[in-house]
Structures are given as structure tokens and as C-alpha cells.
Amino acid sequence: MRRVIPGFGITLGFTMIWLSLIVLIPLSAIFIRAAGLGWDDFVAVGLSTRALKAYQLSFGAALAAAAINAVFGMLVAWVLVRQDFPGKRIVNALVDLPFALPTAVAGIALTALYAESGWFGGLLAPLGIKVAFTPVGVVVALIFIGLPFVVRSVEPVLADLGHDVEEAAATLGASGWQTFHRIILPAIGPALLTGFALAFARGVGEYGSLIFIAGNMPYRSEIAPLLIVTQLEQFDYAGATAIAAVMLVGSFALLLLINLIQVWSRKRGVA
């Protein structure tokens, strides 16, 4: 039988070479450069109080935004798949807007809306709620850029699930909550976790949409990517790579945990 692409050995070789050039070598360079600091200097920069506060904000805000998107992104996907309404194509296109919109433009727009003089910020200010230039603003910006990842991950799975599954459950006397909890959620669970992981990964490394709305106040609203840029502006390349190495290890650990949960949920679903 004639193969469309070369055999396993050749394709595996090309795959490893491409991954090495694009992923492995650049990531290895981060650890090699950070290792030049020595352990004491690495801890002094990469694990300083200021850096730890920045990690806490970057990872915490990314997790919070991804969790919120997991709920509301699933609802948006449900509406787009299960409901027909006027302007559906426009709404469907708007979901992908954060992909196409430059992140700096998104940051400026959100800051203008949620500042105390903005449309939304002016309504929230009398209630004592401040969004722009606070960690809350960081979460809002990450929700904006992360929503499409969840919607587009869950949408095809819901489309393949079909209405017949829900109708069969209703015929057997299942309530709406039982149908969702025991049938729909297990079916879309792996896709939902994938969207969550993608939104989280995007949020951890986000820079453009956050530098305006975050306020960039050290120990309060300073994100880790901005701290890396600050080190680079001071020509402290080793310090920047130290912070990047800590972020890389933390991101890899969390993504590994999410993947393990995905594998467990799939095995449980098969069982």
C-alpha cells in the first residue's frame, strides 16, 4: 500500500527535529542561562518577595479566569450548539474576536471601560468596587482573552452529542440536572478540561492586554511577565531567565496535573 506520507522512522525524525528547534532548545536555553547565576543569586532574584507576589498574581488570576471561563464558556457553547436565534452567526464570530484583536487594543479598551471614569467603572465606583489597576482587572482581562479556548473546545463535542441522548434520558425519567450531571458533563468533561488548560496557559504568559489594566504596582498588581521585561530593561538577562525558569516549572507542573486529571476522567468514562 502506498503511503501518503513517509514511514514512521522518517516522520518521527522530522518531528523530533522540529520540536527541538521550536520548543526544546529555546526552553533549554532558559535553564542554561539561569544556571549561570548560581543557586544563591537564583533564589535572590527568582524567589524574591516581589517575584513571589508576581507569581501569585499571574498564576492565581489565570486559574480564576480559566475557572470562570470553564463555566460560562460551556454555557456559550451550549447556546451556540443547541439554540437557534437571530444573529447567531454574528455571536459565533464575536467569540473568536479575542483571537484576532491585538492584545494591546484589548487592554486599552478594557481599561477605558473599567476605569473610574469609564462606562462600567463609573457604575461600580459608587459601590466601592474598583476594577482597573487592581488584580480584579487582571482577572477580567484574562477572562476576555481566554473565553474562545473553552467555547471552541467544547462546541464540537456538544455538536456530536446530539439531542437524542437528552431525549433518551428524559424518556427514562431523568431530570434536567441528572441528565446534565450524569450524561452531558462526563461526555464534555475532557474537552472542558482541555479548554480550561488552554485558557490557563494563555493567561499565565499574557502581557499585552494586562500592562494597561493591571496598574503594574509592585507587590500588588505586578504580573510576572512584566517583571521579566523590567529585568530585561535593566540588562539583567540572567535575572530575567531566572524568573522565566520559575514560571516555566510552575506552568509545566500545573499543566501536567491537568493532563493527568484528563487521563483519569477518560478512563473513568470508559469504565
Protein backbone atom coordinates (compact mmCIF):
# COMPACT_ATOMS: atom_id res chain seq x y z
CA MET A 1 0.00 0.00 0.00
CA ARG A 2 1.36 3.40 -0.99
CA ARG A 3 1.61 5.80 1.95
CA VAL A 4 0.63 9.44 1.69
CA ILE A 5 3.49 10.50 3.98
CA PRO A 6 6.84 8.75 4.69
CA GLY A 7 7.16 5.89 7.17
CA PHE A 8 7.36 6.06 10.94
CA GLY A 9 11.12 6.47 11.18
CA ILE A 10 11.35 9.47 8.85
CA THR A 11 8.28 11.24 10.25
CA LEU A 12 9.46 10.69 13.83
CA GLY A 13 12.85 12.14 12.92
CA PHE A 14 11.32 15.24 11.37
CA THR A 15 9.01 15.58 14.37
CA MET A 16 11.84 15.47 16.90
CA ILE A 17 13.99 17.88 14.89
CA TRP A 18 11.14 20.37 14.55
CA LEU A 19 10.17 20.12 18.22
CA SER A 20 13.81 20.55 19.23
CA LEU A 21 14.23 23.69 17.13
CA ILE A 22 10.92 25.27 18.15
CA VAL A 23 10.43 24.08 21.74
CA LEU A 24 13.22 22.11 23.41
CA ILE A 25 16.27 24.20 22.52
CA PRO A 26 14.71 27.57 23.45
CA LEU A 27 13.43 26.18 26.75
CA SER A 28 16.78 24.59 27.49
CA ALA A 29 18.46 27.94 26.87
CA ILE A 30 16.36 29.45 29.67
CA PHE A 31 17.61 26.93 32.23
CA ILE A 32 21.21 27.13 30.99
CA ARG A 33 21.23 30.92 31.25
CA ALA A 34 19.55 30.86 34.66
CA ALA A 35 22.07 28.28 35.91
CA GLY A 36 24.84 30.83 35.33
CA LEU A 37 23.55 32.82 38.32
CA GLY A 38 24.39 30.23 40.92
CA TRP A 39 21.87 28.96 43.44
CA ASP A 40 22.05 31.90 45.88
CA ASP A 41 21.65 34.53 43.18
CA PHE A 42 18.91 32.48 41.53
CA VAL A 43 16.92 32.39 44.78
CA ALA A 44 17.57 36.09 45.41
CA VAL A 45 16.03 37.03 42.04
CA GLY A 46 13.69 34.22 41.06
CA LEU A 47 12.25 33.64 44.54
CA SER A 48 12.35 37.17 45.92
CA THR A 49 9.32 38.60 47.71
CA ARG A 50 8.50 40.78 44.71
CA ALA A 51 8.77 37.83 42.33
CA LEU A 52 6.64 35.59 44.56
CA LYS A 53 3.90 38.23 44.63
CA ALA A 54 4.06 38.47 40.84
CA TYR A 55 3.82 34.65 40.50
CA GLN A 56 0.88 34.61 42.88
CA LEU A 57 -0.97 37.17 40.79
CA SER A 58 -0.13 35.63 37.41
CA PHE A 59 -0.95 32.04 38.33
CA GLY A 60 -3.85 32.89 40.63
CA ALA A 61 -5.53 35.22 38.16
CA ALA A 62 -5.00 32.75 35.31
CA LEU A 63 -6.58 29.93 37.34
CA ALA A 64 -9.51 32.10 38.43
CA ALA A 65 -10.16 33.35 34.89
CA ALA A 66 -9.89 29.83 33.44
CA ALA A 67 -12.35 28.50 36.04
CA ILE A 68 -14.85 31.27 35.26
CA ASN A 69 -14.44 30.65 31.54
CA ALA A 70 -14.99 26.93 32.07
CA VAL A 71 -18.48 27.69 33.42
CA PHE A 72 -19.57 30.50 31.14
CA GLY A 73 -17.70 29.19 28.11
CA MET A 74 -19.63 25.93 28.44
CA LEU A 75 -22.89 27.90 28.57
CA VAL A 76 -21.94 29.92 25.48
CA ALA A 77 -21.05 26.73 23.62
CA TRP A 78 -24.36 25.18 24.68
CA VAL A 79 -26.34 28.15 23.33
CA LEU A 80 -24.43 28.19 20.04
CA VAL A 81 -24.96 24.45 19.50
CA ARG A 82 -28.44 23.86 20.93
CA GLN A 83 -30.27 27.12 20.24
CA ASP A 84 -31.26 28.95 17.06
CA PHE A 85 -31.80 32.70 17.29
CA PRO A 86 -31.46 35.79 15.10
CA GLY A 87 -27.86 36.98 14.83
CA LYS A 88 -26.40 33.62 15.81
CA ARG A 89 -23.65 33.88 13.19
CA ILE A 90 -22.66 37.29 14.50
CA VAL A 91 -22.45 35.99 18.07
CA ASN A 92 -20.45 32.99 16.82
CA ALA A 93 -18.00 35.34 15.12
CA LEU A 94 -17.71 37.56 18.20
CA VAL A 95 -16.49 34.57 20.21
CA ASP A 96 -13.34 34.49 18.08
CA LEU A 97 -12.74 38.25 18.35
CA PRO A 98 -10.14 37.93 21.16
CA PHE A 99 -8.09 35.72 18.80
CA ALA A 100 -7.95 38.40 16.11
CA LEU A 101 -7.86 41.52 18.27
CA PRO A 102 -4.35 42.75 19.22
CA THR A 103 -3.90 42.25 22.94
CA ALA A 104 -2.77 45.84 23.48
CA VAL A 105 -6.02 47.08 21.92
CA ALA A 106 -8.00 44.79 24.23
CA GLY A 107 -6.09 46.12 27.24
CA ILE A 108 -6.73 49.75 26.31
CA ALA A 109 -10.43 49.09 25.66
CA LEU A 110 -10.93 47.25 28.97
CA THR A 111 -9.06 49.94 30.88
CA ALA A 112 -11.22 52.65 29.32
CA LEU A 113 -14.37 50.74 30.26
CA TYR A 114 -13.44 49.79 33.82
CA ALA A 115 -11.56 52.92 34.92
CA GLU A 116 -13.45 55.09 37.38
CA SER A 117 -14.31 57.47 34.54
CA GLY A 118 -15.37 54.64 32.21
CA TRP A 119 -18.83 53.30 31.44
CA PHE A 120 -18.62 50.27 33.72
CA GLY A 121 -16.14 51.67 36.22
CA GLY A 122 -18.30 54.72 36.80
CA LEU A 123 -21.20 52.47 37.81
CA LEU A 124 -19.06 50.29 40.06
CA ALA A 125 -17.15 53.10 41.79
CA PRO A 126 -20.10 54.28 43.96
CA LEU A 127 -20.42 50.70 45.19
CA GLY A 128 -16.80 50.71 46.30
CA ILE A 129 -15.74 48.28 43.57
CA LYS A 130 -12.57 49.15 41.69
CA VAL A 131 -11.58 47.01 38.72
CA ALA A 132 -8.97 48.86 36.69
CA PHE A 133 -5.45 48.94 38.14
CA THR A 134 -6.23 46.13 40.57
CA PRO A 135 -5.89 42.32 40.50
CA VAL A 136 -9.60 42.17 39.64
CA GLY A 137 -8.81 43.95 36.38
CA VAL A 138 -6.22 41.29 35.60
CA VAL A 139 -8.84 38.57 36.01
CA VAL A 140 -11.30 40.48 33.80
CA ALA A 141 -8.72 40.83 31.02
CA LEU A 142 -7.81 37.14 31.22
CA ILE A 143 -11.48 36.16 31.04
CA PHE A 144 -11.77 38.19 27.85
CA ILE A 145 -8.81 36.53 26.11
CA GLY A 146 -9.47 33.02 27.43
CA LEU A 147 -13.16 32.56 26.61
CA PRO A 148 -12.68 31.36 22.99
CA PHE A 149 -10.45 28.48 24.09
CA VAL A 150 -13.21 26.92 26.20
CA VAL A 151 -16.01 27.60 23.73
CA ARG A 152 -14.16 26.17 20.74
CA SER A 153 -13.01 23.11 22.71
CA VAL A 154 -16.48 22.20 24.00
CA GLU A 155 -18.54 23.17 20.95
CA PRO A 156 -17.67 20.24 18.62
CA VAL A 157 -18.19 17.69 21.39
CA LEU A 158 -21.63 19.09 22.14
CA ALA A 159 -22.45 19.06 18.42
CA ASP A 160 -21.51 15.37 18.19
CA LEU A 161 -23.50 14.50 21.32
CA GLY A 162 -26.84 15.26 19.68
CA HIS A 163 -30.32 15.76 21.08
CA ASP A 164 -31.17 12.06 21.14
CA VAL A 165 -29.11 11.48 24.29
CA GLU A 166 -31.09 14.09 26.21
CA GLU A 167 -34.38 12.77 24.84
CA ALA A 168 -33.50 9.23 25.88
CA ALA A 169 -32.63 10.39 29.39
CA ALA A 170 -35.88 12.34 29.64
CA THR A 171 -37.81 9.27 28.46
CA LEU A 172 -36.27 7.23 31.28
CA GLY A 173 -37.42 9.83 33.79
CA ALA A 174 -34.17 11.71 34.39
CA SER A 175 -34.46 15.32 35.50
CA GLY A 176 -32.62 18.13 33.75
CA TRP A 177 -29.90 18.18 36.42
CA GLN A 178 -29.48 14.40 36.32
CA THR A 179 -29.14 14.50 32.52
CA PHE A 180 -26.51 17.20 32.71
CA HIS A 181 -24.60 15.74 35.65
CA ARG A 182 -24.56 12.08 34.60
CA ILE A 183 -24.60 12.22 30.80
CA ILE A 184 -23.63 15.58 29.33
CA LEU A 185 -20.89 16.63 31.77
CA PRO A 186 -18.96 13.32 31.59
CA ALA A 187 -19.13 13.48 27.78
CA ILE A 188 -17.81 17.03 27.52
CA GLY A 189 -15.52 16.78 30.57
CA PRO A 190 -12.25 16.05 28.71
CA ALA A 191 -12.93 18.82 26.18
CA LEU A 192 -13.83 21.20 29.01
CA LEU A 193 -10.57 20.41 30.78
CA THR A 194 -8.69 20.98 27.52
CA GLY A 195 -10.28 24.40 27.13
CA PHE A 196 -9.51 25.17 30.78
CA ALA A 197 -5.86 24.20 30.29
CA LEU A 198 -5.53 26.29 27.13
CA ALA A 199 -7.13 29.32 28.77
CA PHE A 200 -4.89 28.92 31.82
CA ALA A 201 -1.74 28.57 29.73
CA ARG A 202 -2.62 31.66 27.71
CA GLY A 203 -3.38 33.62 30.86
CA VAL A 204 -0.13 32.82 32.66
CA GLY A 205 2.01 34.25 29.88
CA GLU A 206 -0.29 37.12 28.88
CA TYR A 207 1.35 40.54 28.73
CA GLY A 208 -0.15 42.88 26.14
CA SER A 209 -3.69 43.11 27.49
CA LEU A 210 -2.57 43.36 31.13
CA ILE A 211 0.07 46.09 31.20
CA PHE A 212 -2.62 48.78 30.95
CA ILE A 213 -5.39 47.46 33.19
CA ALA A 214 -3.14 45.89 35.86
CA GLY A 215 -1.60 49.15 37.06
CA ASN A 216 1.77 47.39 37.47
CA MET A 217 2.21 48.25 41.15
CA PRO A 218 4.91 46.04 42.75
CA TYR A 219 3.66 43.62 45.41
CA ARG A 220 0.05 44.31 44.41
CA SER A 221 -0.80 44.29 40.70
CA GLU A 222 2.52 43.48 39.01
CA ILE A 223 2.40 40.41 36.77
CA ALA A 224 5.36 38.07 36.29
CA PRO A 225 5.81 38.74 32.53
CA LEU A 226 6.14 42.46 33.30
CA LEU A 227 8.76 41.67 35.93
CA ILE A 228 10.72 39.78 33.26
CA VAL A 229 10.52 42.80 30.94
CA THR A 230 11.69 45.03 33.81
CA GLN A 231 14.76 42.83 34.29
CA LEU A 232 15.49 42.95 30.56
CA GLU A 233 15.24 46.74 30.53
CA GLN A 234 17.89 46.76 33.25
CA PHE A 235 20.04 44.44 31.11
CA ASP A 236 19.78 41.76 33.80
CA TYR A 237 19.33 38.88 31.36
CA ALA A 238 20.25 36.21 33.89
CA GLY A 239 17.67 37.56 36.36
CA ALA A 240 15.00 37.60 33.64
CA THR A 241 15.74 33.98 32.75
CA ALA A 242 15.60 33.03 36.44
CA ILE A 243 12.07 34.39 36.73
CA ALA A 244 11.16 32.77 33.40
CA ALA A 245 12.52 29.42 34.63
CA VAL A 246 10.37 29.54 37.77
CA MET A 247 7.30 30.36 35.67
CA LEU A 248 8.13 27.55 33.26
CA VAL A 249 8.43 24.97 36.01
CA GLY A 250 5.21 26.13 37.67
CA SER A 251 3.28 26.14 34.38
CA PHE A 252 4.57 22.69 33.43
CA ALA A 253 3.61 21.26 36.83
CA LEU A 254 0.07 22.63 36.66
CA LEU A 255 -0.45 21.55 33.04
CA LEU A 256 0.87 18.08 33.90
CA LEU A 257 -1.66 17.89 36.73
CA ILE A 258 -4.48 18.94 34.38
CA ASN A 259 -3.41 16.31 31.82
CA LEU A 260 -3.36 13.62 34.50
CA ILE A 261 -6.89 14.63 35.51
CA GLN A 262 -7.89 14.40 31.84
CA VAL A 263 -6.49 10.88 31.55
CA TRP A 264 -8.24 9.84 34.77
CA SER A 265 -11.58 11.28 33.63
CA ARG A 266 -11.34 9.50 30.26
CA LYS A 267 -10.52 6.16 31.89
CA ARG A 268 -13.40 6.64 34.30
CA GLY A 269 -15.73 7.43 31.41
CA VAL A 270 -14.65 4.29 29.52
CA ALA A 271 -15.04 2.18 32.64
